Amino acid sequence: MTTDQVTLIDDMLEDFGKGNLPAVLKRFHPAFVLNPPESVPYAGRRVGVEAFERWLIELGSLLELDKSDHEVLDGGEKAVLLMQITFTSRATGRSTAMRVVEVYAFKDGLIGSIDVFYKDPKAVDDLFDR
């Protein structure tokens, strides 16, 4: 991993926090692949920046996310993002806080894929009345 990749992730997170979706999306490769946890209502692999954008909108309609801290670790060819996030259901108002780990791969200087892991995916799923 390079300093440029750490900066890419940090800048993307800063823009995400500001709600600047166009700036966020410009950091992703056109063939980007997202692999979210499988046991949550917004599960399922997404391929391409447009699919990722639709997923972000879906996620935002379901949950409010509050990131309290993060750290990017050098994994060689990949980067690992450690975050503490509070998930709050927009429908029920219930919330849970936990560690989230994302593994980033890069392609042509852009984010090529993210694999997302929750410490307790069932706790997130339990926020929803299903």
Protein backbone atom coordinates (compact mmCIF):
# COMPACT_ATOMS: atom_id res chain seq x y z
CA MET A 1 0.00 0.00 0.00
CA THR A 2 1.17 3.53 -0.57
CA THR A 3 0.66 6.80 1.22
CA ASP A 4 -1.52 7.78 -1.75
CA GLN A 5 -3.90 4.90 -0.95
CA VAL A 6 -4.14 5.95 2.71
CA THR A 7 -4.86 9.51 1.57
CA LEU A 8 -7.45 8.22 -0.92
CA ILE A 9 -9.35 6.43 1.87
CA ASP A 10 -9.02 9.30 4.35
CA ASP A 11 -10.21 11.84 1.77
CA MET A 12 -13.11 9.59 0.76
CA LEU A 13 -14.19 9.29 4.41
CA GLU A 14 -13.95 13.05 4.88
CA ASP A 15 -16.15 13.67 1.84
CA PHE A 16 -18.58 10.97 2.98
CA GLY A 17 -18.86 12.69 6.36
CA LYS A 18 -19.66 15.98 4.59
CA GLY A 19 -22.34 14.27 2.49
CA ASN A 20 -20.43 15.01 -0.74
CA LEU A 21 -21.43 11.89 -2.68
CA PRO A 22 -19.98 13.01 -6.07
CA ALA A 23 -16.56 13.51 -4.45
CA VAL A 24 -16.85 10.11 -2.76
CA LEU A 25 -17.77 8.28 -5.96
CA LYS A 26 -14.93 9.76 -8.04
CA ARG A 27 -12.50 7.75 -5.93
CA PHE A 28 -13.95 4.40 -7.06
CA HIS A 29 -12.92 2.42 -10.13
CA PRO A 30 -15.74 1.99 -12.72
CA ALA A 31 -15.63 -1.79 -12.13
CA PHE A 32 -15.73 -1.39 -8.34
CA VAL A 33 -17.06 -4.36 -6.32
CA LEU A 34 -18.72 -4.06 -2.90
CA ASN A 35 -19.22 -7.11 -0.70
CA PRO A 36 -21.34 -6.10 2.33
CA PRO A 37 -22.24 -8.50 5.16
CA GLU A 38 -24.73 -11.15 4.03
CA SER A 39 -27.05 -11.18 7.03
CA VAL A 40 -28.37 -7.60 6.84
CA PRO A 41 -31.32 -6.18 4.86
CA TYR A 42 -28.99 -4.38 2.43
CA ALA A 43 -26.86 -7.46 1.70
CA GLY A 44 -25.72 -8.56 -1.73
CA ARG A 45 -22.72 -7.95 -3.90
CA ARG A 46 -22.75 -4.70 -5.89
CA VAL A 47 -20.70 -4.24 -9.06
CA GLY A 48 -19.98 -0.84 -10.58
CA VAL A 49 -20.05 2.70 -9.24
CA GLU A 50 -23.74 3.23 -10.12
CA ALA A 51 -24.72 0.08 -8.20
CA PHE A 52 -22.62 1.28 -5.27
CA GLU A 53 -24.32 4.69 -5.39
CA ARG A 54 -27.78 3.02 -5.31
CA TRP A 55 -26.61 0.89 -2.36
CA LEU A 56 -25.42 3.99 -0.45
CA ILE A 57 -28.82 5.63 -1.01
CA GLU A 58 -30.60 2.46 0.15
CA LEU A 59 -28.36 2.20 3.21
CA GLY A 60 -28.97 5.86 4.05
CA SER A 61 -32.72 5.38 3.83
CA LEU A 62 -32.53 2.55 6.37
CA LEU A 63 -29.82 3.64 8.78
CA GLU A 64 -28.11 6.67 10.21
CA LEU A 65 -24.40 5.94 10.60
CA ASP A 66 -22.17 7.76 13.07
CA LYS A 67 -18.44 7.04 12.76
CA SER A 68 -16.63 7.95 15.97
CA ASP A 69 -13.11 7.04 14.88
CA HIS A 70 -11.12 5.29 12.20
CA GLU A 71 -7.66 4.01 11.39
CA VAL A 72 -6.24 2.86 8.05
CA LEU A 73 -3.71 0.02 8.22
CA ASP A 74 -1.15 -0.84 5.56
CA GLY A 75 -1.84 -4.35 4.31
CA GLY A 76 0.66 -4.36 1.45
CA GLU A 77 -1.42 -4.66 -1.71
CA LYS A 78 -4.55 -3.94 0.29
CA ALA A 79 -5.59 -1.57 3.05
CA VAL A 80 -7.64 -2.31 6.15
CA LEU A 81 -9.96 0.32 7.57
CA LEU A 82 -10.96 -0.05 11.22
CA MET A 83 -13.94 2.04 12.33
CA GLN A 84 -16.24 2.37 15.32
CA ILE A 85 -19.75 2.99 14.00
CA THR A 86 -23.11 3.53 15.67
CA PHE A 87 -25.95 2.21 13.51
CA THR A 88 -29.40 3.73 14.15
CA SER A 89 -32.50 2.43 12.39
CA ARG A 90 -34.51 5.24 10.81
CA ALA A 91 -37.69 3.12 11.17
CA THR A 92 -37.37 1.92 14.77
CA GLY A 93 -34.93 4.36 16.36
CA ARG A 94 -32.99 1.46 17.83
CA SER A 95 -29.20 1.64 17.68
CA THR A 96 -26.09 -0.42 18.22
CA ALA A 97 -22.39 0.48 18.18
CA MET A 98 -19.61 -1.79 17.00
CA ARG A 99 -16.28 -2.18 15.29
CA VAL A 100 -16.45 -2.41 11.49
CA VAL A 101 -13.57 -3.66 9.37
CA GLU A 102 -13.31 -2.95 5.64
CA VAL A 103 -10.67 -4.51 3.39
CA TYR A 104 -9.82 -2.33 0.38
CA ALA A 105 -8.18 -3.39 -2.88
CA PHE A 106 -7.06 -0.89 -5.51
CA LYS A 107 -7.15 -0.75 -9.28
CA ASP A 108 -5.56 1.93 -11.47
CA GLY A 109 -5.05 4.23 -8.48
CA LEU A 110 -8.70 4.03 -7.43
CA ILE A 111 -10.66 1.91 -4.95
CA GLY A 112 -11.35 -1.37 -6.76
CA SER A 113 -13.21 -3.31 -4.09
CA ILE A 114 -14.30 -3.30 -0.46
CA ASP A 115 -15.11 -6.33 1.68
CA VAL A 116 -17.12 -5.23 4.74
CA PHE A 117 -17.14 -7.09 8.08
CA TYR A 118 -19.24 -6.22 11.15
CA LYS A 119 -18.24 -7.39 14.62
CA ASP A 120 -21.88 -8.41 15.21
CA PRO A 121 -23.99 -8.39 12.03
CA LYS A 122 -26.97 -9.89 13.90
CA ALA A 123 -27.08 -6.82 16.15
CA VAL A 124 -27.46 -4.65 13.04
CA ASP A 125 -30.10 -6.96 11.59
CA ASP A 126 -32.00 -6.82 14.91
CA LEU A 127 -32.45 -3.05 14.46
CA PHE A 128 -35.10 -3.80 11.83
CA ASP A 129 -38.64 -5.07 12.37
CA ARG A 130 -38.78 -7.98 9.92
